[in-house]
């Protein structure tokens, strides 16, 4: 049984109740979790687990290999134990802001330069993104920064929902959604939208209407995000570097 990923449903949830499903060394599998596992350029959450007897463990690492594995700093609780989890909110919220900002940057690079994102890495206080482009000048970086801050000031809504992969591939722009980067084994795709028309909870009604009110960005993503672009804060594009003959890295920080 895989852990129910509560972090995909409500990214603002900080605490939760769970049962220990299994134990492997210093790692435990819970039946449900708010702890985000490392993936997609977003680092794992940290935090605490407490049992009914008042014992506490620090969650030092979270990975996903089928199940979500929580690494603890001491002898773990036994299978079947009831625990309360609490994530380190400041760390999580920083990752949410940076991840949503990365989506804006990816969309702006497509908008201005037709440059597809090839990779990214987020941290608590900075991030970088790699894209398929020969070389940016400082004037390009200033233009990108201005556009991102414009999108922040517009306080565009951010939403997420699930779509059948075949329906997503048939109806959505592959350059923007980047579904082709996902393993073939994934049959349901989580889509994150920035701006645009409101999203209906019925997956069939989403992804078909992409007319004049289409979102600014619509991307396959299993990360955590803020509710609107205003939460990102001011964007400062700090530099660039060449990553290869036709690839550039853009570095940025949020204020």
Protein backbone atom coordinates (compact mmCIF):
# COMPACT_ATOMS: atom_id res chain seq x y z
CA UNK A 1 0.00 0.00 0.00
CA UNK A 2 1.46 3.38 -1.03
CA UNK A 3 1.25 6.43 1.19
CA UNK A 4 -1.67 8.75 0.42
CA UNK A 5 0.10 11.94 -0.82
CA UNK A 6 -1.68 14.64 1.15
CA UNK A 7 0.89 17.17 -0.10
CA UNK A 8 -0.65 16.96 -3.58
CA UNK A 9 -4.14 17.86 -2.35
CA UNK A 10 -3.54 20.71 0.10
CA UNK A 11 -0.09 22.29 -0.11
CA UNK A 12 -0.78 24.50 2.93
CA UNK A 13 -1.49 21.64 5.32
CA UNK A 14 1.17 21.49 8.04
CA UNK A 15 0.05 18.66 10.36
CA UNK A 16 -1.62 15.29 9.87
CA UNK A 17 -2.48 12.02 11.61
CA UNK A 18 -1.14 8.75 10.21
CA UNK A 19 -0.35 5.10 10.96
CA UNK A 20 3.06 3.51 10.48
CA UNK A 21 2.65 0.94 7.70
CA UNK A 22 6.17 -0.52 7.69
CA UNK A 23 9.72 0.06 8.92
CA UNK A 24 13.02 -0.45 7.06
CA UNK A 25 16.08 0.52 9.09
CA UNK A 26 15.71 4.20 10.03
CA UNK A 27 12.93 4.78 7.50
CA UNK A 28 9.18 4.43 7.93
CA UNK A 29 6.28 4.24 5.50
CA UNK A 30 3.08 5.97 6.64
CA UNK A 31 -0.41 5.28 5.31
CA UNK A 32 -0.73 9.02 4.53
CA UNK A 33 1.73 11.90 4.59
CA UNK A 34 2.16 15.64 4.12
CA UNK A 35 5.94 15.26 3.75
CA UNK A 36 7.02 16.03 0.19
CA UNK A 37 9.66 13.61 -1.17
CA UNK A 38 12.60 14.90 -3.21
CA UNK A 39 11.67 15.10 -6.89
CA UNK A 40 11.27 17.36 -9.91
CA UNK A 41 13.99 19.71 -8.71
CA UNK A 42 12.18 20.30 -5.39
CA UNK A 43 13.94 19.20 -2.18
CA UNK A 44 12.21 17.08 0.44
CA UNK A 45 10.38 18.42 3.46
CA UNK A 46 11.72 18.11 6.97
CA UNK A 47 9.79 18.10 10.25
CA UNK A 48 8.72 15.88 13.12
CA UNK A 49 6.73 12.76 13.96
CA UNK A 50 5.24 12.23 17.43
CA UNK A 51 3.54 9.15 18.85
CA UNK A 52 0.82 8.88 21.49
CA UNK A 53 3.42 8.34 24.22
CA UNK A 54 5.02 11.71 23.48
CA UNK A 55 8.12 10.36 21.77
CA UNK A 56 9.38 12.57 18.94
CA UNK A 57 11.50 11.94 15.85
CA UNK A 58 12.98 14.43 13.42
CA UNK A 59 12.25 13.66 9.77
CA UNK A 60 15.62 14.28 8.10
CA UNK A 61 15.00 12.98 4.56
CA UNK A 62 12.01 11.96 2.44
CA UNK A 63 12.28 9.90 -0.75
CA UNK A 64 9.80 8.15 -3.01
CA UNK A 65 10.62 4.71 -4.38
CA UNK A 66 7.17 3.28 -4.80
CA UNK A 67 6.36 4.19 -1.21
CA UNK A 68 7.22 7.49 0.46
CA UNK A 69 10.09 6.75 2.86
CA UNK A 70 10.63 9.02 5.87
CA UNK A 71 14.14 8.90 7.40
CA UNK A 72 14.12 9.45 11.18
CA UNK A 73 16.87 10.45 13.61
CA UNK A 74 16.36 7.60 16.07
CA UNK A 75 14.91 4.13 16.53
CA UNK A 76 11.64 4.33 14.58
CA UNK A 77 8.14 3.59 15.93
CA UNK A 78 6.75 0.11 15.40
CA UNK A 79 4.41 -0.79 12.52
CA UNK A 80 0.83 0.01 13.47
CA UNK A 81 1.80 2.95 15.69
CA UNK A 82 -0.36 6.06 15.43
CA UNK A 83 1.69 9.21 14.85
CA UNK A 84 1.20 12.92 14.26
CA UNK A 85 3.33 14.56 11.59
CA UNK A 86 4.32 18.20 11.35
CA UNK A 87 6.33 19.69 8.50
CA UNK A 88 8.81 22.57 8.80
CA UNK A 89 6.62 25.21 7.24
CA UNK A 90 9.23 27.88 6.46
CA UNK A 91 11.24 25.40 4.39
CA UNK A 92 8.15 24.09 2.58
CA UNK A 93 6.78 27.54 1.85
CA UNK A 94 10.11 28.68 0.42
CA UNK A 95 10.08 25.67 -1.92
CA UNK A 96 6.49 26.43 -2.94
CA UNK A 97 7.38 30.03 -3.84
CA UNK A 98 10.47 29.01 -5.79
CA UNK A 99 8.68 26.19 -7.61
CA UNK A 100 5.88 28.47 -8.79
CA UNK A 101 8.46 31.09 -9.82
CA UNK A 102 10.25 28.40 -11.85
CA UNK A 103 7.00 27.73 -13.73
CA UNK A 104 6.73 31.43 -14.53
CA UNK A 105 10.32 31.47 -15.75
CA UNK A 106 9.78 28.41 -17.96
CA UNK A 107 6.70 30.04 -19.50
CA UNK A 108 8.46 33.38 -20.06
CA UNK A 109 11.38 31.63 -21.77
CA UNK A 110 8.93 29.96 -24.17
CA UNK A 111 7.05 33.22 -24.66
CA UNK A 112 10.12 35.33 -25.51
CA UNK A 113 12.72 32.89 -26.84
CA UNK A 114 10.97 29.60 -27.64
CA UNK A 115 13.49 28.10 -25.17
CA UNK A 116 12.35 24.83 -23.61
CA UNK A 117 13.26 24.05 -20.00
CA UNK A 118 15.63 21.09 -19.68
CA UNK A 119 16.14 21.01 -15.90
CA UNK A 120 15.83 22.97 -12.67
CA UNK A 121 16.87 22.90 -9.03
CA UNK A 122 15.22 24.71 -6.14
CA UNK A 123 16.58 25.62 -2.71
CA UNK A 124 15.27 27.64 0.24
CA UNK A 125 17.00 30.86 -0.84
CA UNK A 126 17.82 30.54 -4.55
CA UNK A 127 17.11 28.47 -7.66
CA UNK A 128 18.36 27.85 -11.16
CA UNK A 129 16.85 26.66 -14.41
CA UNK A 130 18.50 25.17 -17.50
CA UNK A 131 17.02 25.73 -20.95
CA UNK A 132 17.75 25.04 -24.60
CA UNK A 133 19.22 28.36 -25.75
CA UNK A 134 22.64 29.42 -27.02
CA UNK A 135 23.37 32.48 -24.89
CA UNK A 136 21.52 35.18 -22.97
CA UNK A 137 22.78 38.75 -22.60
CA UNK A 138 22.23 40.93 -19.54
CA UNK A 139 19.51 42.76 -21.47
CA UNK A 140 17.72 39.43 -21.92
CA UNK A 141 17.90 38.72 -18.20
CA UNK A 142 16.50 42.19 -17.43
CA UNK A 143 13.64 41.56 -19.86
CA UNK A 144 12.89 38.16 -18.29
CA UNK A 145 13.01 39.62 -14.77
CA UNK A 146 10.64 42.46 -15.69
CA UNK A 147 8.12 40.05 -17.23
CA UNK A 148 8.21 37.72 -14.22
CA UNK A 149 7.64 40.61 -11.81
CA UNK A 150 4.77 41.80 -13.99
CA UNK A 151 3.16 38.37 -13.63
CA UNK A 152 3.74 38.48 -9.87
CA UNK A 153 2.09 41.88 -9.58
CA UNK A 154 -0.94 40.62 -11.51
CA UNK A 155 -1.56 38.07 -8.71
CA UNK A 156 -2.55 35.35 -11.16
CA UNK A 157 -4.24 32.30 -9.61
CA UNK A 158 -2.39 28.97 -9.46
CA UNK A 159 -4.39 25.72 -9.64
CA UNK A 160 -3.70 22.02 -9.94
CA UNK A 161 -5.77 19.00 -10.99
CA UNK A 162 -5.40 15.50 -12.48
CA UNK A 163 -5.96 14.47 -16.11
CA UNK A 164 -5.87 11.14 -17.90
CA UNK A 165 -2.54 11.10 -19.75
CA UNK A 166 -4.04 10.30 -23.15
CA UNK A 167 -6.53 13.16 -22.80
CA UNK A 168 -3.76 15.51 -21.70
CA UNK A 169 -1.50 14.57 -24.60
CA UNK A 170 -4.36 15.00 -27.07
CA UNK A 171 -5.53 18.41 -25.86
CA UNK A 172 -2.60 20.28 -24.29
CA UNK A 173 0.44 22.01 -25.79
CA UNK A 174 3.35 19.52 -25.39
CA UNK A 175 6.00 22.28 -25.29
CA UNK A 176 4.34 23.88 -22.28
CA UNK A 177 3.08 20.82 -20.41
CA UNK A 178 6.29 18.80 -20.97
CA UNK A 179 4.36 15.53 -20.55
CA UNK A 180 6.89 13.78 -22.79
CA UNK A 181 9.43 14.04 -19.97
CA UNK A 182 7.34 11.74 -17.75
CA UNK A 183 7.87 7.95 -17.65
CA UNK A 184 5.48 5.92 -19.81
CA UNK A 185 4.21 4.17 -16.65
CA UNK A 186 2.44 7.35 -15.51
CA UNK A 187 -1.13 7.17 -16.82
CA UNK A 188 -2.64 10.07 -14.84
CA UNK A 189 -0.99 13.47 -15.04
CA UNK A 190 -1.13 16.22 -12.43
CA UNK A 191 -1.41 19.57 -14.18
CA UNK A 192 -0.43 22.91 -12.61
CA UNK A 193 -1.90 26.06 -14.17
CA UNK A 194 -0.91 29.70 -13.80
CA UNK A 195 -3.61 32.21 -14.64
CA UNK A 196 -6.34 31.87 -17.24
CA UNK A 197 -9.82 30.43 -17.03
CA UNK A 198 -11.20 28.84 -13.88
CA UNK A 199 -10.63 25.11 -13.47
CA UNK A 200 -13.54 22.71 -13.01
CA UNK A 201 -12.97 19.74 -10.71
CA UNK A 202 -14.28 17.40 -13.42
CA UNK A 203 -11.17 16.34 -15.37
CA UNK A 204 -13.17 15.87 -18.58
CA UNK A 205 -14.03 19.56 -18.69
CA UNK A 206 -10.43 20.61 -18.14
CA UNK A 207 -7.92 20.63 -20.96
CA UNK A 208 -10.53 20.82 -23.70
CA UNK A 209 -11.43 24.50 -23.48
CA UNK A 210 -8.15 26.23 -24.30
CA UNK A 211 -9.43 29.24 -26.16
CA UNK A 212 -8.96 32.95 -25.50
CA UNK A 213 -8.88 32.49 -21.73
CA UNK A 214 -6.18 29.81 -21.81
CA UNK A 215 -3.78 29.86 -18.83
CA UNK A 216 -0.45 31.62 -19.09
CA UNK A 217 1.21 28.32 -18.21
CA UNK A 218 -0.09 24.76 -17.97
CA UNK A 219 2.52 22.19 -16.95
CA UNK A 220 2.70 18.57 -15.81
CA UNK A 221 4.08 18.78 -12.28
CA UNK A 222 3.90 16.86 -8.99
CA UNK A 223 5.39 19.67 -6.89
CA UNK A 224 3.85 22.00 -4.32
CA UNK A 225 2.87 25.55 -5.24
CA UNK A 226 1.47 28.77 -3.81
CA UNK A 227 -2.13 29.80 -4.46
CA UNK A 228 -1.32 32.81 -6.63
CA UNK A 229 1.69 34.50 -8.18
CA UNK A 230 1.55 37.37 -5.71
CA UNK A 231 2.87 35.01 -3.01
CA UNK A 232 6.10 34.57 -4.97
CA UNK A 233 7.38 38.03 -4.08
CA UNK A 234 9.87 40.09 -6.04
CA UNK A 235 12.03 38.15 -8.52
CA UNK A 236 15.71 39.02 -8.99
CA UNK A 237 17.41 37.29 -11.95
CA UNK A 238 20.98 37.22 -10.66
CA UNK A 239 22.92 35.73 -13.55
CA UNK A 240 23.46 33.14 -16.26
CA UNK A 241 26.07 30.62 -17.28
CA UNK A 242 26.71 28.44 -20.27
CA UNK A 243 25.92 24.76 -19.68
CA UNK A 244 26.93 23.49 -23.11
CA UNK A 245 26.96 24.39 -26.78
CA UNK A 246 23.24 25.17 -26.82
CA UNK A 247 22.13 25.29 -23.18
CA UNK A 248 22.00 28.12 -20.68
CA UNK A 249 21.43 28.26 -16.92
CA UNK A 250 19.49 31.15 -15.39
CA UNK A 251 19.88 31.84 -11.67
CA UNK A 252 17.37 33.77 -9.58
CA UNK A 253 16.40 34.66 -6.03
CA UNK A 254 13.13 35.78 -4.46
CA UNK A 255 12.89 38.76 -2.13
